[in-house]
Amino acid sequence: MESLFLQQARKAYNSNNRTHYPLYGQSVTNLDAVNFYLGQACHLTSPTLRTDILITLANMATFQGNLPTALGLYQQALVHANTQQQEDILCYQTMWYAITGLDKLAAETQCSLQARTPHRAQSLSNVIDTVNTLLTTPMALSAKALPAMPGETMTLHAFVILGHKLNPDGSLSDLLQARLEALLMLKQQTPTSRIIVTGGVQQAGMTEAECMQQWLVKHGVDTRHILMDTLAANTLENTSNSLAIAASHGITHLTLVTHANHVHRALTLFNSMQQSAATIAINATSVEYIEKIKRAACTKHAVTDGNTTTLPPPNGQQRINCVIDALRGFGLPAFRVGQYVEI
């Protein structure tokens, strides 16, 4: 029975039916269903699995914007946690305490983590610093493709186009085509830059990366400049695969091309993943973000969102989502109960 509840919880977590998920004759959110099934399993499991469930329930609470509940569940999970679980919980606590301004508690959990695993504590500290900067500093949009890089050539630079679900017939969605059109404008300034297209989800036998490559070639881009990732099934894999491709080609500077409402989350994920040696080893010196755009805002002079020239820091749930992505990029899955692991 325990296994059945856990399977149902994972199924609900992965469901695209976010708002009308069926649960014993009722219609609930998929996260409410996750919470229900994990709650049922919690009473049937070993202490180790029960701790995993409490951590996962805490993560679900962050997805739902309920940080006080999440922090309480992380604390409760410490009671029977093994060594690895304790370290993970300390990472969660330190991040959320720091981001929510609970500096004294953040210092205490950071100190405990430092005593257990200095390298991981330092990596987390780097991620927190990066996230704090991204979440508190308005992001300027510029007409320049990338800042000057003295002594370096554009062969060390690449654009990254994150995939988006294709149309049922395998053609580009309007959103994804808008990203590619923005890219073409930027690439005119740096014609030797590479392009990393990432996305392995298929529609009509065509992956996102393959569809993007075909579109770019049709619009005059040299195939030698295009690097493809046809395996990524989600944003986390988009990120790790793109960083790995960059490292293998000696690329040290990346410009993410995505929409304005996705900028902070994408940049947070790229930066957090670079800081976590436990998750991915990458020799990238920096990740450059220049401009993100919606198709209607394209002009030949600038890439902006309407008439704005800066992107304000995210707030509310969007801010929370950035922190969640940073933790996932750091190597902490949102759903992990025994053998059932989902980012």
C-alpha atoms as a PDB file:
ATOM      1  CA  MET A   1       0.000   0.000   0.000  1.00  0.00           C
ATOM      2  CA  GLU A   2       2.859   2.357   0.844  1.00  0.00           C
ATOM      3  CA  SER A   3       4.346   1.897  -2.620  1.00  0.00           C
ATOM      4  CA  LEU A   4       0.986   2.550  -4.272  1.00  0.00           C
ATOM      5  CA  PHE A   5       0.562   5.850  -2.428  1.00  0.00           C
ATOM      6  CA  LEU A   6       4.082   6.924  -3.389  1.00  0.00           C
ATOM      7  CA  GLN A   7       3.484   6.046  -7.041  1.00  0.00           C
ATOM      8  CA  GLN A   8       0.245   8.037  -6.999  1.00  0.00           C
ATOM      9  CA  ALA A   9       2.046  10.980  -5.407  1.00  0.00           C
ATOM     10  CA  ARG A  10       4.736  10.955  -8.087  1.00  0.00           C
ATOM     11  CA  LYS A  11       2.113  10.651 -10.832  1.00  0.00           C
ATOM     12  CA  ALA A  12       0.285  13.688  -9.460  1.00  0.00           C
ATOM     13  CA  TYR A  13       3.530  15.664  -9.177  1.00  0.00           C
ATOM     14  CA  ASN A  14       4.377  15.022 -12.829  1.00  0.00           C
ATOM     15  CA  SER A  15       0.857  15.727 -14.093  1.00  0.00           C
ATOM     16  CA  ASN A  16       0.192  18.613 -16.483  1.00  0.00           C
ATOM     17  CA  ASN A  17      -3.289  18.798 -14.965  1.00  0.00           C
ATOM     18  CA  ARG A  18      -2.353  21.398 -12.377  1.00  0.00           C
ATOM     19  CA  THR A  19      -5.758  22.694 -11.306  1.00  0.00           C
ATOM     20  CA  HIS A  20      -8.398  19.961 -11.782  1.00  0.00           C
ATOM     21  CA  TYR A  21      -6.696  16.784 -10.665  1.00  0.00           C
ATOM     22  CA  PRO A  22      -9.144  13.951  -9.788  1.00  0.00           C
ATOM     23  CA  LEU A  23      -8.967  12.733  -6.213  1.00  0.00           C
ATOM     24  CA  TYR A  24     -11.654  10.362  -4.926  1.00  0.00           C
ATOM     25  CA  GLY A  25     -14.464  12.133  -6.729  1.00  0.00           C
ATOM     26  CA  GLN A  26     -13.140  15.636  -6.068  1.00  0.00           C
ATOM     27  CA  SER A  27     -11.241  18.053  -8.273  1.00  0.00           C
ATOM     28  CA  VAL A  28      -8.086  19.441  -6.618  1.00  0.00           C
ATOM     29  CA  THR A  29      -4.715  20.832  -7.641  1.00  0.00           C
ATOM     30  CA  ASN A  30      -2.073  18.275  -8.486  1.00  0.00           C
ATOM     31  CA  LEU A  31      -0.003  19.494  -5.526  1.00  0.00           C
ATOM     32  CA  ASP A  32      -2.943  18.934  -3.180  1.00  0.00           C
ATOM     33  CA  ALA A  33      -3.089  15.377  -4.516  1.00  0.00           C
ATOM     34  CA  VAL A  34       0.658  14.974  -3.909  1.00  0.00           C
ATOM     35  CA  ASN A  35       0.179  16.132  -0.322  1.00  0.00           C
ATOM     36  CA  PHE A  36      -2.726  13.730   0.196  1.00  0.00           C
ATOM     37  CA  TYR A  37      -0.933  10.649  -1.101  1.00  0.00           C
ATOM     38  CA  LEU A  38       2.285  11.460   0.746  1.00  0.00           C
ATOM     39  CA  GLY A  39       0.289  11.993   3.920  1.00  0.00           C
ATOM     40  CA  GLN A  40      -1.265   8.558   3.525  1.00  0.00           C
ATOM     41  CA  ALA A  41       2.125   6.937   2.899  1.00  0.00           C
ATOM     42  CA  CYS A  42       3.761   8.750   5.809  1.00  0.00           C
ATOM     43  CA  HIS A  43       2.041   6.546   8.381  1.00  0.00           C
ATOM     44  CA  LEU A  44       3.143   3.324   6.692  1.00  0.00           C
ATOM     45  CA  THR A  45       6.838   3.873   6.095  1.00  0.00           C
ATOM     46  CA  SER A  46      10.157   3.486   7.859  1.00  0.00           C
ATOM     47  CA  PRO A  47      11.691   6.494   9.665  1.00  0.00           C
ATOM     48  CA  THR A  48      14.067   7.101   6.745  1.00  0.00           C
ATOM     49  CA  LEU A  49      11.286   7.199   4.166  1.00  0.00           C
ATOM     50  CA  ARG A  50       9.108   9.220   6.537  1.00  0.00           C
ATOM     51  CA  THR A  51      11.868  11.818   6.653  1.00  0.00           C
ATOM     52  CA  ASP A  52      11.995  11.865   2.847  1.00  0.00           C
ATOM     53  CA  ILE A  53       8.241  12.399   2.801  1.00  0.00           C
ATOM     54  CA  LEU A  54       8.428  15.297   5.264  1.00  0.00           C
ATOM     55  CA  ILE A  55      11.149  16.966   3.181  1.00  0.00           C
ATOM     56  CA  THR A  56       9.086  16.512   0.030  1.00  0.00           C
ATOM     57  CA  LEU A  57       5.965  17.836   1.743  1.00  0.00           C
ATOM     58  CA  ALA A  58       8.003  20.881   2.771  1.00  0.00           C
ATOM     59  CA  ASN A  59       9.053  21.362  -0.840  1.00  0.00           C
ATOM     60  CA  MET A  60       5.428  21.128  -1.987  1.00  0.00           C
ATOM     61  CA  ALA A  61       4.554  23.828   0.547  1.00  0.00           C
ATOM     62  CA  THR A  62       7.127  26.144  -1.073  1.00  0.00           C
ATOM     63  CA  PHE A  63       5.547  25.469  -4.471  1.00  0.00           C
ATOM     64  CA  GLN A  64       2.265  26.601  -2.932  1.00  0.00           C
ATOM     65  CA  GLY A  65       3.842  29.698  -1.431  1.00  0.00           C
ATOM     66  CA  ASN A  66       3.453  28.553   2.178  1.00  0.00           C
ATOM     67  CA  LEU A  67       6.936  29.159   3.568  1.00  0.00           C
ATOM     68  CA  PRO A  68       6.055  28.982   7.298  1.00  0.00           C
ATOM     69  CA  THR A  69       4.602  25.496   6.790  1.00  0.00           C
ATOM     70  CA  ALA A  70       7.645  24.479   4.751  1.00  0.00           C
ATOM     71  CA  LEU A  71      10.090  25.653   7.417  1.00  0.00           C
ATOM     72  CA  GLY A  72       8.130  23.792  10.081  1.00  0.00           C
ATOM     73  CA  LEU A  73       8.202  20.577   8.076  1.00  0.00           C
ATOM     74  CA  TYR A  74      11.957  20.853   7.451  1.00  0.00           C
ATOM     75  CA  GLN A  75      12.469  21.200  11.210  1.00  0.00           C
ATOM     76  CA  GLN A  76      10.192  18.238  11.896  1.00  0.00           C
ATOM     77  CA  ALA A  77      12.094  16.139   9.357  1.00  0.00           C
ATOM     78  CA  LEU A  78      15.333  16.585  11.317  1.00  0.00           C
ATOM     79  CA  VAL A  79      14.074  14.412  14.183  1.00  0.00           C
ATOM     80  CA  HIS A  80      14.738  11.042  12.511  1.00  0.00           C
ATOM     81  CA  ALA A  81      16.982  12.180   9.650  1.00  0.00           C
ATOM     82  CA  ASN A  82      20.103  10.244   8.759  1.00  0.00           C
ATOM     83  CA  THR A  83      23.388  12.033   8.028  1.00  0.00           C
ATOM     84  CA  GLN A  84      22.686  12.732   4.349  1.00  0.00           C
ATOM     85  CA  GLN A  85      19.145  13.868   5.049  1.00  0.00           C
ATOM     86  CA  GLN A  86      20.391  16.198   7.780  1.00  0.00           C
ATOM     87  CA  GLU A  87      22.794  17.841   5.361  1.00  0.00           C
ATOM     88  CA  ASP A  88      20.058  18.282   2.762  1.00  0.00           C
ATOM     89  CA  ILE A  89      17.675  19.770   5.318  1.00  0.00           C
ATOM     90  CA  LEU A  90      20.334  22.210   6.487  1.00  0.00           C
ATOM     91  CA  CYS A  91      20.775  23.313   2.865  1.00  0.00           C
ATOM     92  CA  TYR A  92      17.045  23.933   2.499  1.00  0.00           C
ATOM     93  CA  GLN A  93      16.834  25.767   5.806  1.00  0.00           C
ATOM     94  CA  THR A  94      19.873  27.940   5.156  1.00  0.00           C
ATOM     95  CA  MET A  95      18.603  28.997   1.738  1.00  0.00           C
ATOM     96  CA  TRP A  96      15.064  29.832   2.872  1.00  0.00           C
ATOM     97  CA  TYR A  97      16.178  31.564   6.067  1.00  0.00           C
ATOM     98  CA  ALA A  98      18.647  33.688   4.100  1.00  0.00           C
ATOM     99  CA  ILE A  99      16.189  34.616   1.352  1.00  0.00           C
ATOM    100  CA  THR A 100      13.414  35.510   3.808  1.00  0.00           C
ATOM    101  CA  GLY A 101      15.662  37.700   5.949  1.00  0.00           C
ATOM    102  CA  LEU A 102      15.956  35.356   8.945  1.00  0.00           C
ATOM    103  CA  ASP A 103      19.669  36.053   9.114  1.00  0.00           C
ATOM    104  CA  LYS A 104      20.344  34.682  12.609  1.00  0.00           C
ATOM    105  CA  LEU A 105      18.728  31.342  11.802  1.00  0.00           C
ATOM    106  CA  ALA A 106      20.506  31.262   8.430  1.00  0.00           C
ATOM    107  CA  ALA A 107      23.857  31.787  10.161  1.00  0.00           C
ATOM    108  CA  GLU A 108      23.131  28.974  12.623  1.00  0.00           C
ATOM    109  CA  THR A 109      22.190  26.415   9.971  1.00  0.00           C
ATOM    110  CA  GLN A 110      25.063  27.538   7.743  1.00  0.00           C
ATOM    111  CA  CYS A 111      27.456  26.985  10.637  1.00  0.00           C
ATOM    112  CA  SER A 112      26.050  23.490  11.224  1.00  0.00           C
ATOM    113  CA  LEU A 113      26.405  22.686   7.530  1.00  0.00           C
ATOM    114  CA  GLN A 114      29.957  24.050   7.491  1.00  0.00           C
ATOM    115  CA  ALA A 115      30.918  21.704  10.338  1.00  0.00           C
ATOM    116  CA  ARG A 116      29.573  18.701   8.444  1.00  0.00           C
ATOM    117  CA  THR A 117      30.590  19.417   4.851  1.00  0.00           C
ATOM    118  CA  PRO A 118      32.686  22.559   4.287  1.00  0.00           C
ATOM    119  CA  HIS A 119      32.773  22.272   0.503  1.00  0.00           C
ATOM    120  CA  ARG A 120      29.012  21.940   0.176  1.00  0.00           C
ATOM    121  CA  ALA A 121      28.480  24.790   2.638  1.00  0.00           C
ATOM    122  CA  GLN A 122      30.723  27.062   0.568  1.00  0.00           C
ATOM    123  CA  SER A 123      28.968  26.102  -2.664  1.00  0.00           C
ATOM    124  CA  LEU A 124      25.596  26.851  -1.078  1.00  0.00           C
ATOM    125  CA  SER A 125      26.886  30.189   0.189  1.00  0.00           C
ATOM    126  CA  ASN A 126      27.914  31.085  -3.357  1.00  0.00           C
ATOM    127  CA  VAL A 127      24.469  30.151  -4.647  1.00  0.00           C
ATOM    128  CA  ILE A 128      22.742  32.214  -1.954  1.00  0.00           C
ATOM    129  CA  ASP A 129      24.878  35.248  -2.823  1.00  0.00           C
ATOM    130  CA  THR A 130      24.000  34.834  -6.505  1.00  0.00           C
ATOM    131  CA  VAL A 131      20.304  34.377  -5.822  1.00  0.00           C
ATOM    132  CA  ASN A 132      20.194  37.361  -3.481  1.00  0.00           C
ATOM    133  CA  THR A 133      21.756  39.547  -6.162  1.00  0.00           C
ATOM    134  CA  LEU A 134      19.379  38.326  -8.854  1.00  0.00           C
ATOM    135  CA  LEU A 135      16.334  38.781  -6.627  1.00  0.00           C
ATOM    136  CA  THR A 136      17.171  42.284  -5.420  1.00  0.00           C
ATOM    137  CA  THR A 137      18.764  43.985  -8.416  1.00  0.00           C
ATOM    138  CA  PRO A 138      16.767  45.291 -11.409  1.00  0.00           C
ATOM    139  CA  MET A 139      18.090  43.717 -14.598  1.00  0.00           C
ATOM    140  CA  ALA A 140      18.991  46.134 -17.379  1.00  0.00           C
ATOM    141  CA  LEU A 141      18.044  45.272 -20.946  1.00  0.00           C
ATOM    142  CA  SER A 142      20.500  46.418 -23.580  1.00  0.00           C
ATOM    143  CA  ALA A 143      20.723  46.597 -27.336  1.00  0.00           C
ATOM    144  CA  LYS A 144      24.213  45.109 -27.165  1.00  0.00           C
ATOM    145  CA  ALA A 145      24.483  41.363 -27.580  1.00  0.00           C
ATOM    146  CA  LEU A 146      27.079  41.024 -24.841  1.00  0.00           C
ATOM    147  CA  PRO A 147      29.559  43.151 -22.882  1.00  0.00           C
ATOM    148  CA  ALA A 148      33.069  43.698 -24.147  1.00  0.00           C
ATOM    149  CA  MET A 149      35.444  40.829 -23.441  1.00  0.00           C
ATOM    150  CA  PRO A 150      38.986  42.241 -23.777  1.00  0.00           C
ATOM    151  CA  GLY A 151      41.492  39.805 -25.197  1.00  0.00           C
ATOM    152  CA  GLU A 152      38.850  37.241 -26.111  1.00  0.00           C
ATOM    153  CA  THR A 153      37.102  36.389 -29.343  1.00  0.00           C
ATOM    154  CA  MET A 154      33.480  35.548 -29.971  1.00  0.00           C
ATOM    155  CA  THR A 155      34.459  31.921 -30.482  1.00  0.00           C
ATOM    156  CA  LEU A 156      34.335  31.734 -26.675  1.00  0.00           C
ATOM    157  CA  HIS A 157      30.736  32.922 -26.653  1.00  0.00           C
ATOM    158  CA  ALA A 158      27.463  31.159 -27.345  1.00  0.00           C
ATOM    159  CA  PHE A 159      23.775  31.958 -27.240  1.00  0.00           C
ATOM    160  CA  VAL A 160      21.500  29.471 -25.495  1.00  0.00           C
ATOM    161  CA  ILE A 161      17.929  28.978 -26.684  1.00  0.00           C
ATOM    162  CA  LEU A 162      15.901  27.007 -24.167  1.00  0.00           C
ATOM    163  CA  GLY A 163      13.304  24.740 -25.713  1.00  0.00           C
ATOM    164  CA  HIS A 164       9.545  25.135 -25.525  1.00  0.00           C
ATOM    165  CA  LYS A 165       6.832  22.644 -26.390  1.00  0.00           C
ATOM    166  CA  LEU A 166       6.336  22.343 -30.145  1.00  0.00           C
ATOM    167  CA  ASN A 167       2.972  22.434 -31.850  1.00  0.00           C
ATOM    168  CA  PRO A 168       1.288  19.030 -32.341  1.00  0.00           C
ATOM    169  CA  ASP A 169       2.450  18.955 -35.979  1.00  0.00           C
ATOM    170  CA  GLY A 170       6.089  19.382 -34.930  1.00  0.00           C
ATOM    171  CA  SER A 171       6.343  23.065 -35.879  1.00  0.00           C
ATOM    172  CA  LEU A 172       7.676  25.865 -33.698  1.00  0.00           C
ATOM    173  CA  SER A 173       5.350  27.496 -31.209  1.00  0.00           C
ATOM    174  CA  ASP A 174       4.973  31.257 -31.547  1.00  0.00           C
ATOM    175  CA  LEU A 175       6.868  31.658 -28.275  1.00  0.00           C
ATOM    176  CA  LEU A 176       9.838  29.618 -29.440  1.00  0.00           C
ATOM    177  CA  GLN A 177       9.953  31.323 -32.827  1.00  0.00           C
ATOM    178  CA  ALA A 178      10.026  34.681 -31.049  1.00  0.00           C
ATOM    179  CA  ARG A 179      13.145  33.590 -29.174  1.00  0.00           C
ATOM    180  CA  LEU A 180      14.825  32.560 -32.422  1.00  0.00           C
ATOM    181  CA  GLU A 181      13.940  35.843 -34.112  1.00  0.00           C
ATOM    182  CA  ALA A 182      15.431  37.737 -31.177  1.00  0.00           C
ATOM    183  CA  LEU A 183      18.536  35.571 -31.452  1.00  0.00           C
ATOM    184  CA  LEU A 184      19.024  36.410 -35.136  1.00  0.00           C
ATOM    185  CA  MET A 185      19.036  40.101 -34.302  1.00  0.00           C
ATOM    186  CA  LEU A 186      21.620  39.633 -31.577  1.00  0.00           C
ATOM    187  CA  LYS A 187      23.811  37.343 -33.669  1.00  0.00           C
ATOM    188  CA  GLN A 188      24.265  40.065 -36.274  1.00  0.00           C
ATOM    189  CA  GLN A 189      26.501  41.774 -33.709  1.00  0.00           C
ATOM    190  CA  THR A 190      28.536  38.622 -32.991  1.00  0.00           C
ATOM    191  CA  PRO A 191      28.482  36.548 -36.213  1.00  0.00           C
ATOM    192  CA  THR A 192      31.044  34.005 -35.002  1.00  0.00           C
ATOM    193  CA  SER A 193      29.198  33.153 -31.793  1.00  0.00           C
ATOM    194  CA  ARG A 194      27.914  29.612 -31.412  1.00  0.00           C
ATOM    195  CA  ILE A 195      24.266  28.788 -30.762  1.00  0.00           C
ATOM    196  CA  ILE A 196      23.195  26.070 -28.333  1.00  0.00           C
ATOM    197  CA  VAL A 197      19.668  24.855 -29.008  1.00  0.00           C
ATOM    198  CA  THR A 198      18.325  22.579 -26.311  1.00  0.00           C
ATOM    199  CA  GLY A 199      15.163  20.507 -26.048  1.00  0.00           C
ATOM    200  CA  GLY A 200      14.507  16.806 -26.489  1.00  0.00           C
ATOM    201  CA  VAL A 201      10.726  16.625 -26.140  1.00  0.00           C
ATOM    202  CA  GLN A 202       9.214  15.379 -29.398  1.00  0.00           C
ATOM    203  CA  GLN A 203       6.119  16.265 -31.354  1.00  0.00           C
ATOM    204  CA  ALA A 204       5.408  14.451 -34.625  1.00  0.00           C
ATOM    205  CA  GLY A 205       8.854  12.833 -34.459  1.00  0.00           C
ATOM    206  CA  MET A 206      10.695  16.168 -34.172  1.00  0.00           C
ATOM    207  CA  THR A 207      12.567  17.380 -31.095  1.00  0.00           C
ATOM    208  CA  GLU A 208      12.609  21.033 -30.082  1.00  0.00           C
ATOM    209  CA  ALA A 209      16.350  21.261 -30.796  1.00  0.00           C
ATOM    210  CA  GLU A 210      16.004  19.723 -34.273  1.00  0.00           C
ATOM    211  CA  CYS A 211      13.140  22.038 -35.140  1.00  0.00           C
ATOM    212  CA  MET A 212      15.125  25.067 -33.990  1.00  0.00           C
ATOM    213  CA  GLN A 213      18.162  23.977 -35.982  1.00  0.00           C
ATOM    214  CA  GLN A 214      16.111  23.632 -39.153  1.00  0.00           C
ATOM    215  CA  TRP A 215      14.585  27.077 -38.658  1.00  0.00           C
ATOM    216  CA  LEU A 216      17.986  28.690 -38.057  1.00  0.00           C
ATOM    217  CA  VAL A 217      19.560  27.081 -41.127  1.00  0.00           C
ATOM    218  CA  LYS A 218      16.582  28.174 -43.214  1.00  0.00           C
ATOM    219  CA  HIS A 219      17.239  31.718 -42.012  1.00  0.00           C
ATOM    220  CA  GLY A 220      20.895  31.726 -42.977  1.00  0.00           C
ATOM    221  CA  VAL A 221      22.753  30.461 -39.911  1.00  0.00           C
ATOM    222  CA  ASP A 222      25.826  28.333 -40.633  1.00  0.00           C
ATOM    223  CA  THR A 223      25.234  24.790 -39.344  1.00  0.00           C
ATOM    224  CA  ARG A 224      28.787  24.789 -37.975  1.00  0.00           C
ATOM    225  CA  HIS A 225      27.703  27.430 -35.479  1.00  0.00           C
ATOM    226  CA  ILE A 226      24.807  25.369 -34.111  1.00  0.00           C
ATOM    227  CA  LEU A 227      25.289  22.971 -31.205  1.00  0.00           C
ATOM    228  CA  MET A 228      22.329  20.711 -30.433  1.00  0.00           C
ATOM    229  CA  ASP A 229      21.040  19.043 -27.301  1.00  0.00           C
ATOM    230  CA  THR A 230      18.247  16.676 -28.328  1.00  0.00           C
ATOM    231  CA  LEU A 231      18.020  14.864 -24.980  1.00  0.00           C
ATOM    232  CA  ALA A 232      16.797  17.410 -22.420  1.00  0.00           C
ATOM    233  CA  ALA A 233      13.271  16.739 -21.203  1.00  0.00           C
ATOM    234  CA  ASN A 234      12.944  19.669 -18.791  1.00  0.00           C
ATOM    235  CA  THR A 235      14.513  22.994 -17.837  1.00  0.00           C
ATOM    236  CA  LEU A 236      16.988  21.430 -15.419  1.00  0.00           C
ATOM    237  CA  GLU A 237      18.302  19.127 -18.149  1.00  0.00           C
ATOM    238  CA  ASN A 238      18.295  22.044 -20.611  1.00  0.00           C
ATOM    239  CA  THR A 239      20.617  23.828 -18.205  1.00  0.00           C
ATOM    240  CA  SER A 240      22.986  20.991 -17.314  1.00  0.00           C
ATOM    241  CA  ASN A 241      23.292  19.838 -20.931  1.00  0.00           C
ATOM    242  CA  SER A 242      23.911  23.376 -22.186  1.00  0.00           C
ATOM    243  CA  LEU A 243      26.649  23.932 -19.614  1.00  0.00           C
ATOM    244  CA  ALA A 244      28.243  20.607 -20.525  1.00  0.00           C
ATOM    245  CA  ILE A 245      28.156  21.471 -24.232  1.00  0.00           C
ATOM    246  CA  ALA A 246      29.705  24.851 -23.494  1.00  0.00           C
ATOM    247  CA  ALA A 247      32.506  23.258 -21.488  1.00  0.00           C
ATOM    248  CA  SER A 248      33.253  20.664 -24.147  1.00  0.00           C
ATOM    249  CA  HIS A 249      33.631  23.386 -26.796  1.00  0.00           C
ATOM    250  CA  GLY A 250      35.726  25.741 -24.687  1.00  0.00           C
ATOM    251  CA  ILE A 251      32.909  28.283 -24.457  1.00  0.00           C
ATOM    252  CA  THR A 252      33.225  30.604 -21.457  1.00  0.00           C
ATOM    253  CA  HIS A 253      30.408  33.109 -22.021  1.00  0.00           C
ATOM    254  CA  LEU A 254      26.723  32.373 -22.503  1.00  0.00           C
ATOM    255  CA  THR A 255      23.827  34.629 -23.409  1.00  0.00           C
ATOM    256  CA  LEU A 256      20.441  33.173 -22.534  1.00  0.00           C
ATOM    257  CA  VAL A 257      17.658  34.088 -24.938  1.00  0.00           C
ATOM    258  CA  THR A 258      14.253  33.643 -23.384  1.00  0.00           C
ATOM    259  CA  HIS A 259      11.165  35.676 -22.515  1.00  0.00           C
ATOM    260  CA  ALA A 260      11.094  38.377 -19.857  1.00  0.00           C
ATOM    261  CA  ASN A 261       8.932  36.397 -17.450  1.00  0.00           C
ATOM    262  CA  HIS A 262      11.435  33.538 -17.563  1.00  0.00           C
ATOM    263  CA  VAL A 263      14.656  35.537 -17.310  1.00  0.00           C
ATOM    264  CA  HIS A 264      15.240  35.461 -13.570  1.00  0.00           C
ATOM    265  CA  ARG A 265      14.376  31.784 -13.178  1.00  0.00           C
ATOM    266  CA  ALA A 266      16.602  30.748 -16.084  1.00  0.00           C
ATOM    267  CA  LEU A 267      19.533  32.836 -14.912  1.00  0.00           C
ATOM    268  CA  THR A 268      19.117  31.619 -11.335  1.00  0.00           C
ATOM    269  CA  LEU A 269      19.181  28.010 -12.496  1.00  0.00           C
ATOM    270  CA  PHE A 270      22.278  28.456 -14.696  1.00  0.00           C
ATOM    271  CA  ASN A 271      24.191  30.180 -11.915  1.00  0.00           C
ATOM    272  CA  SER A 272      23.155  27.776  -9.154  1.00  0.00           C
ATOM    273  CA  MET A 273      24.100  24.738 -11.216  1.00  0.00           C
ATOM    274  CA  GLN A 274      27.565  26.118 -11.899  1.00  0.00           C
ATOM    275  CA  GLN A 275      28.166  26.566  -8.184  1.00  0.00           C
ATOM    276  CA  SER A 276      27.307  22.972  -7.272  1.00  0.00           C
ATOM    277  CA  ALA A 277      30.259  20.687  -7.884  1.00  0.00           C
ATOM    278  CA  ALA A 278      28.176  17.787  -6.558  1.00  0.00           C
ATOM    279  CA  THR A 279      25.775  18.167  -9.441  1.00  0.00           C
ATOM    280  CA  ILE A 280      27.861  19.223 -12.432  1.00  0.00           C
ATOM    281  CA  ALA A 281      31.500  20.140 -13.035  1.00  0.00           C
ATOM    282  CA  ILE A 282      31.713  22.947 -15.556  1.00  0.00           C
ATOM    283  CA  ASN A 283      34.581  25.236 -16.459  1.00  0.00           C
ATOM    284  CA  ALA A 284      32.489  28.249 -17.360  1.00  0.00           C
ATOM    285  CA  THR A 285      33.785  31.567 -16.129  1.00  0.00           C
ATOM    286  CA  SER A 286      30.470  33.350 -16.322  1.00  0.00           C
ATOM    287  CA  VAL A 287      26.949  33.208 -17.615  1.00  0.00           C
ATOM    288  CA  GLU A 288      26.011  36.420 -19.420  1.00  0.00           C
ATOM    289  CA  TYR A 289      22.482  37.510 -19.746  1.00  0.00           C
ATOM    290  CA  ILE A 290      21.881  40.430 -22.068  1.00  0.00           C
ATOM    291  CA  GLU A 291      18.344  40.731 -23.316  1.00  0.00           C
ATOM    292  CA  LYS A 292      15.146  38.779 -23.310  1.00  0.00           C
ATOM    293  CA  ILE A 293      12.172  39.628 -25.416  1.00  0.00           C
ATOM    294  CA  LYS A 294       8.664  39.003 -26.544  1.00  0.00           C
ATOM    295  CA  ARG A 295       8.099  38.848 -30.276  1.00  0.00           C
ATOM    296  CA  ALA A 296       5.895  41.946 -30.429  1.00  0.00           C
ATOM    297  CA  ALA A 297       8.671  44.045 -28.895  1.00  0.00           C
ATOM    298  CA  CYS A 298      11.345  43.235 -31.496  1.00  0.00           C
ATOM    299  CA  THR A 299      12.921  46.239 -33.184  1.00  0.00           C
ATOM    300  CA  LYS A 300      16.105  46.598 -35.154  1.00  0.00           C
ATOM    301  CA  HIS A 301      17.566  48.849 -32.474  1.00  0.00           C
ATOM    302  CA  ALA A 302      16.869  47.096 -29.176  1.00  0.00           C
ATOM    303  CA  VAL A 303      15.515  44.018 -27.557  1.00  0.00           C
ATOM    304  CA  THR A 304      13.067  45.022 -24.843  1.00  0.00           C
ATOM    305  CA  ASP A 305       9.773  44.057 -23.296  1.00  0.00           C
ATOM    306  CA  GLY A 306       7.461  46.760 -24.639  1.00  0.00           C
ATOM    307  CA  ASN A 307       9.016  50.111 -23.792  1.00  0.00           C
ATOM    308  CA  THR A 308      10.789  49.044 -20.628  1.00  0.00           C
ATOM    309  CA  THR A 309      14.566  49.067 -20.412  1.00  0.00           C
ATOM    310  CA  THR A 310      14.939  47.293 -17.083  1.00  0.00           C
ATOM    311  CA  LEU A 311      13.398  44.195 -15.598  1.00  0.00           C
ATOM    312  CA  PRO A 312      12.345  44.637 -11.955  1.00  0.00           C
ATOM    313  CA  PRO A 313      13.260  41.934  -9.437  1.00  0.00           C
ATOM    314  CA  PRO A 314      10.622  39.210  -9.141  1.00  0.00           C
ATOM    315  CA  ASN A 315       8.242  39.174  -6.195  1.00  0.00           C
ATOM    316  CA  GLY A 316       5.623  36.907  -4.671  1.00  0.00           C
ATOM    317  CA  GLN A 317       5.464  33.370  -6.015  1.00  0.00           C
ATOM    318  CA  GLN A 318       7.752  34.258  -8.923  1.00  0.00           C
ATOM    319  CA  ARG A 319      10.459  35.093  -6.404  1.00  0.00           C
ATOM    320  CA  ILE A 320       9.828  31.844  -4.527  1.00  0.00           C
ATOM    321  CA  ASN A 321      10.028  29.899  -7.790  1.00  0.00           C
ATOM    322  CA  CYS A 322      13.475  31.341  -8.453  1.00  0.00           C
ATOM    323  CA  VAL A 323      14.671  30.033  -5.097  1.00  0.00           C
ATOM    324  CA  ILE A 324      13.103  26.628  -5.767  1.00  0.00           C
ATOM    325  CA  ASP A 325      14.950  26.450  -9.088  1.00  0.00           C
ATOM    326  CA  ALA A 326      18.196  27.448  -7.406  1.00  0.00           C
ATOM    327  CA  LEU A 327      17.827  24.586  -4.942  1.00  0.00           C
ATOM    328  CA  ARG A 328      17.028  22.143  -7.738  1.00  0.00           C
ATOM    329  CA  GLY A 329      20.022  23.391  -9.704  1.00  0.00           C
ATOM    330  CA  PHE A 330      22.120  22.918  -6.581  1.00  0.00           C
ATOM    331  CA  GLY A 331      21.205  19.225  -6.648  1.00  0.00           C
ATOM    332  CA  LEU A 332      18.181  18.984  -4.365  1.00  0.00           C
ATOM    333  CA  PRO A 333      15.183  17.386  -6.129  1.00  0.00           C
ATOM    334  CA  ALA A 334      11.744  18.753  -5.301  1.00  0.00           C
ATOM    335  CA  PHE A 335      10.314  15.226  -4.992  1.00  0.00           C
ATOM    336  CA  ARG A 336      12.478  12.513  -3.469  1.00  0.00           C
ATOM    337  CA  VAL A 337      11.099   9.611  -1.476  1.00  0.00           C
ATOM    338  CA  GLY A 338      13.325   6.553  -1.581  1.00  0.00           C
ATOM    339  CA  GLN A 339      13.547   5.339  -5.171  1.00  0.00           C
ATOM    340  CA  TYR A 340      11.009   7.888  -6.397  1.00  0.00           C
ATOM    341  CA  VAL A 341      12.946  10.962  -7.475  1.00  0.00           C
ATOM    342  CA  GLU A 342      11.690  13.851  -9.609  1.00  0.00           C
ATOM    343  CA  ILE A 343      13.189  17.294  -9.994  1.00  0.00           C
END
